[in-house]
Protein backbone atom coordinates (compact mmCIF):
# COMPACT_ATOMS: atom_id res chain seq x y z
CA MET A 1 -48.98 8.28 -62.16
CA LYS A 2 -50.74 10.65 -59.82
CA PRO A 3 -54.52 10.11 -60.08
CA LEU A 4 -56.49 12.78 -61.86
CA ARG A 5 -58.06 14.97 -59.22
CA SER A 6 -61.23 17.01 -59.47
CA SER A 7 -61.87 19.96 -57.24
CA PRO A 8 -64.38 19.88 -54.46
CA LEU A 9 -67.65 21.72 -54.27
CA LEU A 10 -66.52 23.44 -51.10
CA ALA A 11 -63.41 25.39 -50.34
CA LEU A 12 -62.90 23.10 -47.36
CA ALA A 13 -62.52 19.41 -47.65
CA ALA A 14 -60.21 16.67 -46.64
CA ALA A 15 -56.96 15.94 -48.43
CA TRP A 16 -58.36 12.67 -49.74
CA LEU A 17 -61.90 13.98 -49.83
CA LEU A 18 -60.87 16.92 -51.99
CA PRO A 19 -60.26 14.86 -55.11
CA HIS A 20 -63.37 12.76 -54.73
CA ALA A 21 -65.97 14.70 -52.90
CA ALA A 22 -68.38 17.39 -53.38
CA PHE A 23 -66.74 18.77 -56.31
CA ALA A 24 -68.53 19.19 -59.05
CA VAL A 25 -67.40 21.89 -61.36
CA GLU A 26 -64.04 22.78 -59.89
CA SER A 27 -65.79 25.58 -58.12
CA SER A 28 -63.42 25.51 -55.18
CA ALA A 29 -60.18 23.99 -56.31
CA ALA A 30 -58.52 21.26 -54.28
CA PRO A 31 -55.02 21.74 -52.92
CA PRO A 32 -52.54 19.38 -54.58
CA ALA A 33 -52.29 16.08 -52.74
CA ALA A 34 -48.96 15.71 -51.00
CA PRO A 35 -47.21 12.34 -50.87
CA SER A 36 -48.68 10.60 -47.85
CA ALA A 37 -46.87 8.71 -45.15
CA PRO A 38 -47.97 5.05 -45.13
CA SER A 39 -50.87 4.64 -42.73
CA THR A 40 -54.12 2.82 -42.14
CA ASN A 41 -55.88 5.77 -40.51
CA SER A 42 -55.74 9.51 -41.06
CA LEU A 43 -57.43 12.51 -39.49
CA VAL A 44 -57.96 15.47 -41.81
CA ILE A 45 -58.58 18.96 -40.42
CA SER A 46 -59.32 21.93 -42.65
CA ALA A 47 -60.28 25.58 -42.21
CA ASN A 48 -60.94 28.47 -44.57
CA GLY A 49 -61.84 32.13 -44.69
CA SER A 50 -63.53 34.08 -47.49
CA THR A 51 -64.24 37.64 -48.55
CA LEU A 52 -67.31 38.48 -50.64
CA THR A 53 -68.19 41.58 -52.69
CA ASN A 54 -70.83 43.86 -51.13
CA ALA A 55 -71.42 41.46 -48.22
CA SER A 56 -69.81 40.00 -45.16
CA GLY A 57 -67.39 37.19 -45.83
CA GLY A 58 -67.35 33.85 -44.11
CA GLY A 59 -65.44 30.77 -43.15
CA GLY A 60 -65.80 27.26 -41.91
CA GLY A 61 -64.10 24.02 -41.10
CA SER A 62 -64.24 20.28 -41.54
CA LEU A 63 -63.08 17.15 -39.75
CA THR A 64 -62.74 13.82 -41.57
CA TRP A 65 -61.58 10.37 -40.55
CA LEU A 66 -60.07 8.20 -43.32
CA HIS A 67 -59.29 4.50 -43.29
CA ASP A 68 -57.09 2.88 -45.94
CA PHE A 69 -57.93 -0.63 -47.02
CA SER A 70 -55.72 -2.81 -49.20
CA SER A 71 -57.55 -1.62 -52.32
CA GLY A 72 -59.51 1.44 -51.27
CA VAL A 73 -60.36 4.23 -48.84
CA LEU A 74 -63.36 4.95 -46.61
CA GLY A 75 -64.03 8.43 -45.22
CA ILE A 76 -66.53 9.79 -42.66
CA GLY A 77 -66.67 13.47 -41.77
CA GLY A 78 -68.59 16.62 -41.08
CA GLU A 79 -68.35 20.22 -42.29
CA TYR A 80 -69.71 23.66 -41.42
CA GLN A 81 -69.73 26.77 -43.63
CA ARG A 82 -70.90 30.37 -43.25
CA LEU A 83 -71.01 33.05 -45.95
CA ALA A 84 -72.81 36.41 -46.14
CA GLY A 85 -75.40 35.55 -43.48
CA ALA A 86 -76.12 32.06 -44.81
CA HIS A 87 -74.78 29.01 -43.00
CA TRP A 88 -75.01 25.28 -43.59
CA GLN A 89 -73.62 22.04 -42.23
CA PHE A 90 -73.53 18.47 -43.46
CA GLY A 91 -72.14 15.03 -42.83
CA SER A 92 -70.19 13.13 -45.49
CA LEU A 93 -69.60 9.50 -46.37
CA THR A 94 -67.06 8.74 -49.11
CA GLY A 95 -65.39 5.65 -50.47
CA SER A 96 -63.26 4.35 -53.33
CA VAL A 97 -61.85 1.05 -54.55
CA SER A 98 -59.09 0.41 -57.10
CA ALA A 99 -58.14 -2.56 -59.23
CA GLY A 100 -55.97 -3.35 -62.23
CA ASN A 101 -52.31 -3.43 -63.18
CA PRO A 102 -49.64 -0.89 -64.28
CA SER A 103 -50.95 -0.82 -67.86
CA ALA A 104 -54.60 -0.19 -66.90
CA ARG A 105 -55.82 0.71 -63.42
CA TRP A 106 -59.41 1.55 -62.50
CA THR A 107 -60.79 3.47 -59.53
CA PHE A 108 -64.47 3.56 -58.59
CA SER A 109 -65.57 6.27 -56.15
CA ALA A 110 -68.84 7.41 -54.57
CA ASP A 111 -69.79 10.02 -51.99
CA GLY A 112 -72.79 11.54 -50.25
CA HIS A 113 -73.16 14.83 -48.36
CA PHE A 114 -76.35 15.39 -46.37
CA GLY A 115 -77.30 18.37 -44.22
CA ASN A 116 -79.21 21.62 -44.03
CA GLY A 117 -78.77 25.36 -43.50
CA GLU A 118 -80.41 28.74 -43.07
CA ILE A 119 -80.38 32.04 -44.94
CA PRO A 120 -81.75 35.38 -43.65
CA VAL A 121 -84.99 36.56 -45.26
CA PHE A 122 -87.41 39.37 -44.57
CA GLN A 123 -88.76 38.97 -41.02
CA GLY A 124 -86.91 35.78 -40.21
CA THR A 125 -84.84 32.98 -41.71
CA HIS A 126 -85.37 30.43 -44.45
CA ARG A 127 -84.23 26.85 -43.89
CA PHE A 128 -82.98 24.77 -46.79
CA ASN A 129 -81.81 21.22 -47.37
CA TYR A 130 -78.31 20.39 -48.59
CA ASP A 131 -77.95 17.03 -50.36
CA VAL A 132 -75.22 16.22 -52.90
CA GLU A 133 -74.36 12.73 -54.12
CA GLY A 134 -71.88 11.62 -56.73
CA ALA A 135 -70.04 8.72 -58.34
CA ASP A 136 -67.14 8.50 -60.76
CA VAL A 137 -64.99 6.02 -62.66
CA THR A 138 -61.34 6.80 -63.39
CA GLY A 139 -59.00 4.81 -65.62
CA THR A 140 -55.23 5.30 -65.76
CA PHE A 141 -53.44 3.78 -68.73
CA ALA A 142 -49.70 3.14 -69.11
CA GLY A 143 -49.10 5.37 -66.12
CA LYS A 144 -49.67 8.51 -68.20
CA LEU A 145 -53.17 8.92 -69.61
CA THR A 146 -56.09 9.37 -67.18
CA LEU A 147 -59.76 9.38 -68.20
CA GLN A 148 -62.57 10.18 -65.78
CA VAL A 149 -66.35 10.15 -66.04
CA GLU A 150 -68.36 11.59 -63.15
CA ALA A 151 -71.99 12.34 -62.33
CA ARG A 152 -73.37 14.44 -59.46
CA GLN A 153 -76.90 14.97 -58.20
CA TYR A 154 -77.70 18.29 -56.47
CA ASP A 155 -80.69 18.99 -54.25
CA ILE A 156 -80.05 22.28 -52.43
CA ASP A 157 -83.26 24.11 -51.48
CA THR A 158 -85.00 24.90 -54.79
CA THR A 159 -81.92 24.09 -56.89
CA HIS A 160 -81.74 20.53 -58.20
CA GLY A 161 -80.43 18.56 -61.13
CA THR A 162 -77.76 16.18 -62.42
CA LEU A 163 -74.29 17.35 -63.47
CA PRO A 164 -72.11 14.91 -65.50
CA LYS A 165 -68.45 15.65 -66.16
CA ALA A 166 -65.72 14.19 -68.36
CA ALA A 167 -62.01 14.83 -67.78
CA VAL A 168 -58.73 13.93 -69.46
CA GLY A 169 -55.32 14.13 -67.81
CA PHE A 170 -51.84 13.40 -69.16
CA LEU A 171 -48.58 13.00 -67.25
CA TRP A 172 -46.01 14.55 -69.60
CA THR A 173 -43.05 13.94 -67.30
CA PRO A 174 -42.78 12.47 -63.78
CA HIS A 175 -43.24 16.04 -62.53
CA PHE A 176 -45.86 17.67 -64.81
CA GLN A 177 -49.48 16.75 -65.45
CA THR A 178 -52.17 18.68 -67.34
CA THR A 179 -55.92 18.11 -66.97
CA VAL A 180 -58.90 19.48 -68.87
CA SER A 181 -62.56 18.80 -68.11
CA TYR A 182 -66.04 19.65 -69.30
CA ALA A 183 -69.27 19.53 -67.27
CA LYS A 184 -72.84 20.19 -68.43
CA SER A 185 -76.01 19.71 -66.41
CA PHE A 186 -79.23 18.15 -67.54
CA THR A 187 -82.62 17.84 -65.85
CA GLY A 188 -83.60 20.21 -63.07
CA ASN A 189 -82.63 23.87 -62.98
CA LEU A 190 -78.84 23.85 -62.51
CA GLY A 191 -78.21 25.36 -65.94
CA THR A 192 -74.50 24.66 -65.46
CA GLN A 193 -71.87 24.40 -68.18
CA MET A 194 -68.21 24.52 -67.22
CA GLU A 195 -64.76 24.14 -68.83
CA THR A 196 -61.62 23.81 -66.72
CA ALA A 197 -57.86 23.51 -67.21
CA ARG A 198 -55.28 22.62 -64.59
CA LEU A 199 -51.50 22.14 -64.29
CA ASP A 200 -49.95 20.04 -61.52
CA TYR A 201 -46.27 19.97 -60.60
CA TYR A 202 -45.02 17.08 -58.44
CA GLY A 203 -41.74 18.06 -56.83
CA HIS A 204 -39.32 16.22 -54.58
CA THR A 205 -40.26 18.33 -51.57
CA VAL A 206 -43.44 20.24 -52.51
CA ASN A 207 -46.33 19.96 -54.99
CA TRP A 208 -47.96 22.87 -56.85
CA LEU A 209 -51.13 23.35 -58.82
CA LEU A 210 -52.45 26.15 -61.02
CA GLY A 211 -55.90 26.18 -62.61
CA ALA A 212 -58.71 28.16 -64.19
CA ALA A 213 -62.38 27.60 -64.96
CA GLY A 214 -65.11 29.36 -66.89
CA GLY A 215 -68.74 28.91 -67.89
CA HIS A 216 -72.18 29.29 -66.34
CA VAL A 217 -73.20 27.85 -63.00
CA ALA A 218 -76.01 27.87 -60.43
CA PRO A 219 -74.71 29.90 -57.43
CA GLN A 220 -75.64 27.15 -54.97
CA VAL A 221 -73.36 24.72 -56.81
CA VAL A 222 -70.34 26.86 -55.92
CA ASN A 223 -71.68 27.70 -52.46
CA ILE A 224 -72.52 31.33 -53.09
CA TYR A 225 -75.97 30.83 -51.65
CA THR A 226 -78.52 33.46 -52.76
CA GLY A 227 -81.80 31.60 -52.49
CA ALA A 228 -82.58 32.78 -56.03
CA THR A 229 -83.43 30.63 -59.05
CA GLY A 230 -83.39 31.34 -62.76
CA ALA A 231 -80.78 31.51 -65.51
CA ALA A 232 -77.30 30.50 -64.32
CA PRO A 233 -74.90 33.49 -64.26
CA GLN A 234 -71.42 33.52 -65.76
CA LEU A 235 -68.53 32.18 -63.68
CA ARG A 236 -64.79 32.88 -63.84
CA GLU A 237 -62.27 31.26 -61.52
CA GLY A 238 -58.53 31.02 -60.91
CA TYR A 239 -56.68 29.13 -58.19
CA VAL A 240 -53.19 28.22 -57.03
CA GLY A 241 -52.07 25.79 -54.33
CA ILE A 242 -49.05 24.23 -52.67
CA SER A 243 -48.62 21.15 -50.47
CA LYS A 244 -45.80 19.51 -48.55
CA ALA A 245 -45.52 16.15 -46.81
CA PHE A 246 -43.78 15.50 -43.50
CA SER A 247 -43.20 12.23 -41.68
CA ARG A 248 -46.63 12.11 -39.99
CA ALA A 249 -48.48 15.10 -41.45
CA ASP A 250 -49.27 16.69 -44.81
CA PHE A 251 -50.10 20.40 -45.21
CA SER A 252 -51.85 22.12 -48.13
CA ILE A 253 -52.64 25.79 -48.75
CA LEU A 254 -54.93 27.01 -51.54
CA GLY A 255 -55.86 30.47 -52.78
CA ASP A 256 -59.03 30.70 -54.90
CA TYR A 257 -60.58 33.64 -56.80
CA LEU A 258 -64.18 33.14 -57.90
CA LYS A 259 -66.46 35.57 -59.75
CA VAL A 260 -70.13 34.71 -60.27
CA ALA A 261 -72.02 37.50 -62.08
CA SER A 262 -71.06 40.63 -60.09
CA GLU A 263 -70.13 38.73 -56.92
CA LYS A 264 -66.42 38.15 -56.24
CA ARG A 265 -65.18 35.74 -53.59
CA ILE A 266 -61.59 35.18 -52.47
CA THR A 267 -60.93 32.12 -50.32
CA LEU A 268 -57.87 30.87 -48.46
CA THR A 269 -57.95 27.23 -47.37
CA ILE A 270 -55.55 25.31 -45.12
CA VAL A 271 -55.67 21.51 -44.84
CA CYS A 272 -53.70 19.33 -42.39
CA THR A 273 -53.68 15.54 -42.68
CA LEU A 274 -52.42 13.64 -39.64
CA HIS A 275 -51.33 10.02 -40.25
CA ALA A 276 -51.44 7.21 -37.71
CA GLY A 277 -51.04 3.46 -37.74
CA GLY A 278 -48.83 1.13 -39.69
CA PRO A 279 -48.46 0.66 -43.43
CA GLY A 280 -51.76 0.28 -45.26
């Protein structure tokens, strides 16, 4: 059974980092994970470009090193993003461990993303902190049913709060999986409530995903940084992705359409995972 994957907070992230990292509310969907060549070490390179309504677009990139252990993965990386005059950068530390048997397998994951950024203001710039931490527990039962519980803490400038999420996935055939999730914040001023639905196709040569999300969300949570606080605006999102594995490299491409209030952002993301070393 392919593990249930949640989308990352950012449109750029590593192929392994995408399912487990800054996600949060499927704001920037993850490309489908391609079957990986056996390895103990991987280098993940990603880049994206975005357009934004009534403002200049942006782009960014990330670089992540991953090490596979016998029962888990450790990742260390860094990322930079720029959008509509705002820019931010952060370092990331992620990890996961798995245990169990074919009838019930458990995965425990945690991640932290720490950095800062700047946004133009009248007569100068405003600096802000960027701190996001999260942890999740995923159980896969009988190779078909996947249940996930996740919690994320956001502290981005004046936006802060905790965002829990619950997700259910089911593998209907060896090639098709559906996933639905619900996230609702409490404490702080996130004001986020999100529902998502996603379809994954696992092919012999390529993987596909198709998804949609809707609800209300703090703009900083989906990296449309405005510096404003208050009631969370409405969000609508749709995304589609494809990935393919080669002998020593995996490639993923994702297209994402995101509308927050009157702002519309279109993002194209490319991820390349380079494998090295012997079987993990």
